[in-house]
Amino acid sequence: MNWLQQLLNGISVGSIYALIALGYTMVYGIVKLINFAHGDVFMLGAFIGFYAITVLHLGFIPAILLTMAVTSLIGVLIERVAYRRLRNSPRIAALTTAIGVSLFIEYTTIYVRGAQPDVYPDLFGDRVIRVFGATTRVDTLVILLIAVLLMLLLQWIVHYTKIGKAMRAVSYDADAARLMGISVDRTISWTFALGSALAGAAGVIFGLYYTKIDPLMGLIPGLKAFVAAVMGGIGSIPGAMVGGLLLGLVETGVSALGFSLFRDAVAFIILILILLFMPQGLFGKNVREKV
């Protein structure tokens, strides 16, 4: 029963990584950019949700919806101001800009509100629930349920809506999509909006699960989500989901075995192994390139 409880915890943590990783993989799939500011959008989502609950006195679900709306606008703004003009520039320029945007968000947040951490309100108390004989916290199941619903919603948007079809077309061939009348700029903005909304939701449920948030909290989860995206195959939406869940399970398993001090290191060991032996990831494809 203890292992079942650890399994539920691992899936819940992994679902947070998966939500963040989806933003990385969607943006890379369309514009071939690693948006290292994405972890800080996740951090902003945690604070927006915190103030929505404590200042505006919104419930948990309205706070998540408000956070997703605001972070989607932030994602569009970042793309419009920082990345759009660099779309045809060398990749090192976009990468450097992404790191600069990340630092700008972090230290602007520190300047505005200070560096001290905040503690999320305990919305569900100490209530627990028994699942197949294992005892787990209610907020663990809430996190899992919300994450699964958001992933299913994203899959529906990508496969069954007009903007989703446009995203897939631009990802496959942006020039051909433009010739077919698809607005590439608007599609890329929608991609940033969807990815940032998912990161904002991940920030709220991260605050609910770990309780403490601070302006630099996006660094490690953002890097781990990037590892999850690479593990699944960067550019693959199902790969990002599976990669995030697997990373959460591995981390929880390492902690359960008594090696909790190494849980952060494990993610980067996995990244090294993936790059050495399976650089295309679990769901990635080998692509031929002319040399």
Protein backbone atom coordinates (compact mmCIF):
# COMPACT_ATOMS: atom_id res chain seq x y z
CA MET A 1 0.00 0.00 0.00
CA ASN A 2 2.93 2.33 0.67
CA TRP A 3 4.17 1.79 -2.88
CA LEU A 4 0.72 2.56 -4.24
CA GLN A 5 0.76 5.80 -2.26
CA GLN A 6 4.20 6.63 -3.66
CA LEU A 7 2.90 5.86 -7.14
CA LEU A 8 0.07 8.37 -6.73
CA ASN A 9 2.50 10.97 -5.40
CA GLY A 10 4.86 10.35 -8.31
CA ILE A 11 2.10 10.70 -10.90
CA SER A 12 0.93 13.94 -9.26
CA VAL A 13 4.43 15.45 -9.28
CA GLY A 14 5.00 14.17 -12.79
CA SER A 15 1.78 15.75 -14.01
CA ILE A 16 3.12 19.16 -12.90
CA TYR A 17 6.31 18.57 -14.91
CA ALA A 18 4.21 17.39 -17.85
CA LEU A 19 2.12 20.57 -17.89
CA ILE A 20 5.26 22.72 -17.97
CA ALA A 21 6.98 20.45 -20.51
CA LEU A 22 4.05 20.83 -22.91
CA GLY A 23 4.88 24.53 -23.29
CA TYR A 24 8.51 23.74 -24.12
CA THR A 25 7.63 21.10 -26.67
CA MET A 26 4.83 23.07 -28.37
CA VAL A 27 6.99 26.15 -28.87
CA TYR A 28 9.95 24.09 -30.07
CA GLY A 29 7.75 22.12 -32.45
CA ILE A 30 6.66 25.30 -34.22
CA VAL A 31 9.51 27.83 -34.00
CA LYS A 32 12.43 25.56 -32.96
CA LEU A 33 13.05 27.70 -29.89
CA ILE A 34 13.82 26.52 -26.35
CA ASN A 35 11.93 29.12 -24.32
CA PHE A 36 13.94 29.15 -21.09
CA ALA A 37 11.65 31.90 -19.76
CA HIS A 38 8.87 29.31 -19.59
CA GLY A 39 9.80 28.27 -16.05
CA ASP A 40 9.33 31.86 -14.93
CA VAL A 41 5.87 32.00 -16.48
CA PHE A 42 5.18 28.99 -14.26
CA MET A 43 6.45 31.05 -11.29
CA LEU A 44 4.20 33.99 -12.24
CA GLY A 45 1.27 31.59 -12.43
CA ALA A 46 1.95 30.45 -8.86
CA PHE A 47 1.90 34.05 -7.59
CA ILE A 48 -1.14 35.06 -9.64
CA GLY A 49 -3.03 32.09 -8.21
CA PHE A 50 -1.81 32.94 -4.72
CA TYR A 51 -3.06 36.54 -4.90
CA ALA A 52 -6.30 35.45 -6.58
CA ILE A 53 -7.02 33.19 -3.60
CA THR A 54 -5.75 35.41 -0.77
CA VAL A 55 -6.56 38.92 -2.04
CA LEU A 56 -9.49 38.41 -4.41
CA HIS A 57 -10.85 35.53 -2.26
CA LEU A 58 -11.57 33.38 -5.29
CA GLY A 59 -12.11 29.66 -5.05
CA PHE A 60 -9.55 27.18 -6.32
CA ILE A 61 -11.07 26.60 -9.78
CA PRO A 62 -11.77 30.32 -10.50
CA ALA A 63 -8.21 31.10 -9.37
CA ILE A 64 -6.79 28.56 -11.85
CA LEU A 65 -8.95 29.93 -14.68
CA LEU A 66 -7.89 33.51 -13.94
CA THR A 67 -4.25 32.44 -13.73
CA MET A 68 -4.43 30.64 -17.07
CA ALA A 69 -5.98 33.70 -18.72
CA VAL A 70 -3.33 36.08 -17.36
CA THR A 71 -0.35 33.82 -18.06
CA SER A 72 -1.58 33.20 -21.61
CA LEU A 73 -1.49 36.97 -22.18
CA ILE A 74 1.99 37.11 -20.65
CA GLY A 75 3.14 34.36 -23.01
CA VAL A 76 1.80 36.24 -26.04
CA LEU A 77 3.49 39.43 -24.84
CA ILE A 78 6.84 37.66 -24.41
CA GLU A 79 6.62 36.22 -27.90
CA ARG A 80 5.60 39.53 -29.45
CA VAL A 81 8.21 41.69 -27.72
CA ALA A 82 11.21 39.39 -27.30
CA TYR A 83 11.09 36.58 -29.87
CA ARG A 84 9.21 37.64 -32.99
CA ARG A 85 11.95 39.87 -34.37
CA LEU A 86 14.53 37.14 -33.81
CA ARG A 87 12.61 34.45 -35.65
CA ASN A 88 15.03 34.41 -38.60
CA SER A 89 18.13 35.16 -36.53
CA PRO A 90 20.77 32.58 -35.50
CA ARG A 91 19.54 30.28 -32.75
CA ILE A 92 22.14 31.55 -30.30
CA ALA A 93 20.49 34.99 -30.43
CA ALA A 94 17.08 33.57 -29.52
CA LEU A 95 18.61 31.39 -26.80
CA THR A 96 20.42 34.34 -25.24
CA THR A 97 17.24 36.40 -25.40
CA ALA A 98 15.28 33.63 -23.66
CA ILE A 99 17.79 33.59 -20.80
CA GLY A 100 17.58 37.40 -20.60
CA VAL A 101 13.77 37.31 -20.48
CA SER A 102 13.97 34.71 -17.72
CA LEU A 103 16.26 36.90 -15.60
CA PHE A 104 14.14 39.97 -16.33
CA ILE A 105 10.96 38.25 -15.07
CA GLU A 106 12.67 36.88 -11.96
CA TYR A 107 14.26 40.10 -10.81
CA THR A 108 11.34 42.30 -11.78
CA THR A 109 9.21 40.09 -9.54
CA ILE A 110 11.76 40.47 -6.73
CA TYR A 111 11.80 44.26 -7.23
CA VAL A 112 8.01 44.51 -7.15
CA ARG A 113 7.21 42.21 -4.20
CA GLY A 114 10.53 41.36 -2.56
CA ALA A 115 12.42 38.06 -2.41
CA GLN A 116 10.66 36.59 0.63
CA PRO A 117 8.65 33.41 0.02
CA ASP A 118 4.88 33.13 0.48
CA VAL A 119 2.90 30.19 1.80
CA TYR A 120 -0.13 28.96 -0.12
CA PRO A 121 -3.36 28.72 1.84
CA ASP A 122 -4.33 25.18 2.82
CA LEU A 123 -7.49 24.80 0.75
CA PHE A 124 -8.16 21.15 1.53
CA GLY A 125 -6.84 20.86 5.06
CA ASP A 126 -5.48 17.53 6.21
CA ARG A 127 -8.25 15.54 4.60
CA VAL A 128 -7.18 12.20 3.19
CA ILE A 129 -8.87 9.60 1.05
CA ARG A 130 -8.31 5.87 0.70
CA VAL A 131 -7.65 4.53 -2.80
CA PHE A 132 -7.40 0.73 -3.07
CA GLY A 133 -6.28 0.59 0.54
CA ALA A 134 -3.64 3.34 0.25
CA THR A 135 -4.09 6.63 2.08
CA THR A 136 -3.38 9.78 0.09
CA ARG A 137 -4.08 13.49 0.49
CA VAL A 138 -7.11 15.00 -1.21
CA ASP A 139 -5.01 17.70 -2.88
CA THR A 140 -2.87 14.98 -4.54
CA LEU A 141 -5.92 13.59 -6.30
CA VAL A 142 -7.16 17.09 -7.16
CA ILE A 143 -3.80 17.90 -8.78
CA LEU A 144 -3.89 14.66 -10.75
CA LEU A 145 -7.47 15.20 -11.91
CA ILE A 146 -6.87 18.79 -13.05
CA ALA A 147 -3.65 17.89 -14.85
CA VAL A 148 -5.30 15.01 -16.72
CA LEU A 149 -8.24 17.20 -17.74
CA LEU A 150 -5.92 19.94 -19.03
CA MET A 151 -3.86 17.43 -21.02
CA LEU A 152 -6.99 15.94 -22.57
CA LEU A 153 -8.24 19.44 -23.38
CA LEU A 154 -4.95 20.26 -25.10
CA GLN A 155 -5.13 17.07 -27.14
CA TRP A 156 -8.66 17.99 -28.22
CA ILE A 157 -7.59 21.51 -29.18
CA VAL A 158 -4.62 20.26 -31.21
CA HIS A 159 -6.51 17.54 -33.09
CA TYR A 160 -10.06 18.83 -33.46
CA THR A 161 -10.03 22.63 -33.63
CA LYS A 162 -9.12 25.05 -36.39
CA ILE A 163 -6.24 26.59 -34.44
CA GLY A 164 -4.94 23.11 -33.61
CA LYS A 165 -4.89 22.17 -37.29
CA ALA A 166 -3.08 25.44 -38.02
CA MET A 167 -0.51 24.65 -35.33
CA ARG A 168 0.16 21.23 -36.83
CA ALA A 169 0.44 22.71 -40.32
CA VAL A 170 2.89 25.42 -39.24
CA SER A 171 4.90 22.85 -37.31
CA TYR A 172 5.17 20.66 -40.41
CA ASP A 173 5.98 23.42 -42.94
CA ALA A 174 5.53 27.09 -42.06
CA ASP A 175 6.07 28.34 -45.63
CA ALA A 176 3.53 25.95 -47.11
CA ALA A 177 1.05 26.85 -44.35
CA ARG A 178 1.51 30.54 -45.18
CA LEU A 179 0.80 29.85 -48.86
CA MET A 180 -2.41 28.08 -47.82
CA GLY A 181 -3.64 31.22 -46.07
CA ILE A 182 -2.71 30.33 -42.49
CA SER A 183 -1.52 33.26 -40.37
CA VAL A 184 1.80 31.97 -39.04
CA ASP A 185 2.22 34.88 -36.61
CA ARG A 186 -1.21 34.37 -35.08
CA THR A 187 -0.65 30.60 -34.85
CA ILE A 188 2.65 31.08 -33.03
CA SER A 189 0.98 33.53 -30.65
CA TRP A 190 -1.72 30.94 -29.92
CA THR A 191 0.98 28.37 -29.26
CA PHE A 192 2.67 30.61 -26.71
CA ALA A 193 -0.73 31.40 -25.16
CA LEU A 194 -1.66 27.72 -24.73
CA GLY A 195 1.75 26.72 -23.39
CA SER A 196 1.84 29.63 -20.94
CA ALA A 197 -1.71 28.90 -19.75
CA LEU A 198 -0.71 25.32 -18.93
CA ALA A 199 2.42 26.57 -17.12
CA GLY A 200 0.26 28.98 -15.10
CA ALA A 201 -2.07 26.16 -14.07
CA ALA A 202 0.99 24.08 -13.12
CA GLY A 203 2.17 26.97 -10.93
CA VAL A 204 -1.09 27.02 -8.99
CA ILE A 205 -1.19 23.28 -8.36
CA PHE A 206 2.53 23.33 -7.50
CA GLY A 207 1.79 25.94 -4.82
CA LEU A 208 -1.10 23.82 -3.56
CA TYR A 209 1.14 20.72 -3.36
CA TYR A 210 4.38 22.21 -2.00
CA THR A 211 2.80 25.25 -0.21
CA LYS A 212 5.91 27.51 -0.44
CA ILE A 213 6.50 29.76 -3.46
CA ASP A 214 9.21 32.35 -4.19
CA PRO A 215 10.40 34.42 -7.19
CA LEU A 216 13.18 31.97 -8.09
CA MET A 217 11.03 28.85 -7.83
CA GLY A 218 10.72 28.45 -11.60
CA LEU A 219 14.37 27.56 -12.18
CA ILE A 220 14.56 23.90 -11.08
CA PRO A 221 11.03 22.81 -12.12
CA GLY A 222 11.57 24.58 -15.45
CA LEU A 223 14.81 22.71 -16.09
CA LYS A 224 13.25 19.42 -15.02
CA ALA A 225 10.32 20.01 -17.36
CA PHE A 226 12.82 20.63 -20.15
CA VAL A 227 14.41 17.27 -19.28
CA ALA A 228 10.95 15.71 -19.45
CA ALA A 229 10.36 17.25 -22.88
CA VAL A 230 13.70 15.93 -24.17
CA MET A 231 13.01 12.53 -22.63
CA GLY A 232 9.69 12.24 -24.43
CA GLY A 233 11.04 13.68 -27.69
CA ILE A 234 11.19 17.45 -27.98
CA GLY A 235 8.35 18.59 -30.25
CA SER A 236 6.09 15.65 -29.35
CA ILE A 237 3.05 16.50 -27.20
CA PRO A 238 2.40 12.88 -26.07
CA GLY A 239 6.13 12.60 -25.42
CA ALA A 240 6.08 15.62 -23.09
CA MET A 241 3.19 14.11 -21.14
CA VAL A 242 4.84 10.71 -20.78
CA GLY A 243 8.26 12.24 -20.06
CA GLY A 244 6.86 14.38 -17.26
CA LEU A 245 5.03 11.47 -15.66
CA LEU A 246 8.08 9.22 -15.88
CA LEU A 247 10.32 11.89 -14.36
CA GLY A 248 7.90 12.37 -11.46
CA LEU A 249 7.78 8.62 -10.84
CA VAL A 250 11.58 8.32 -10.92
CA GLU A 251 12.03 11.22 -8.51
CA THR A 252 9.46 9.86 -6.09
CA GLY A 253 11.01 6.39 -6.29
CA VAL A 254 14.47 7.79 -5.52
CA SER A 255 13.07 9.63 -2.49
CA ALA A 256 11.18 6.54 -1.32
CA LEU A 257 14.40 4.53 -1.42
CA GLY A 258 16.06 7.01 0.93
CA PHE A 259 18.07 9.02 -1.60
CA SER A 260 16.02 12.23 -1.48
CA LEU A 261 19.17 14.39 -1.62
CA PHE A 262 19.77 13.06 -5.14
CA ARG A 263 16.27 13.61 -6.55
CA ASP A 264 17.31 16.76 -8.43
CA ALA A 265 20.50 15.16 -9.74
CA VAL A 266 18.56 12.18 -11.12
CA ALA A 267 16.75 14.39 -13.64
CA PHE A 268 20.00 15.60 -15.16
CA ILE A 269 21.56 12.14 -15.12
CA ILE A 270 18.54 11.01 -17.15
CA LEU A 271 19.09 13.94 -19.55
CA ILE A 272 22.71 12.91 -20.11
CA LEU A 273 21.73 9.28 -20.73
CA ILE A 274 18.95 10.26 -23.13
CA LEU A 275 21.28 12.52 -25.12
CA LEU A 276 23.91 9.78 -25.27
CA PHE A 277 21.79 6.76 -26.16
CA MET A 278 18.42 8.05 -27.44
CA PRO A 279 18.79 11.70 -28.51
CA GLN A 280 15.47 11.62 -30.38
CA GLY A 281 13.62 10.77 -27.13
CA LEU A 282 10.93 8.17 -26.52
CA PHE A 283 8.45 9.54 -29.07
CA GLY A 284 10.83 11.49 -31.31
CA LYS A 285 11.76 10.61 -34.87
CA ASN A 286 15.11 10.52 -36.57
CA VAL A 287 15.14 13.19 -39.26
CA ARG A 288 17.46 13.16 -42.24
CA GLU A 289 19.30 16.39 -42.91
CA LYS A 290 21.29 17.42 -45.96
CA VAL A 291 24.90 18.17 -45.12
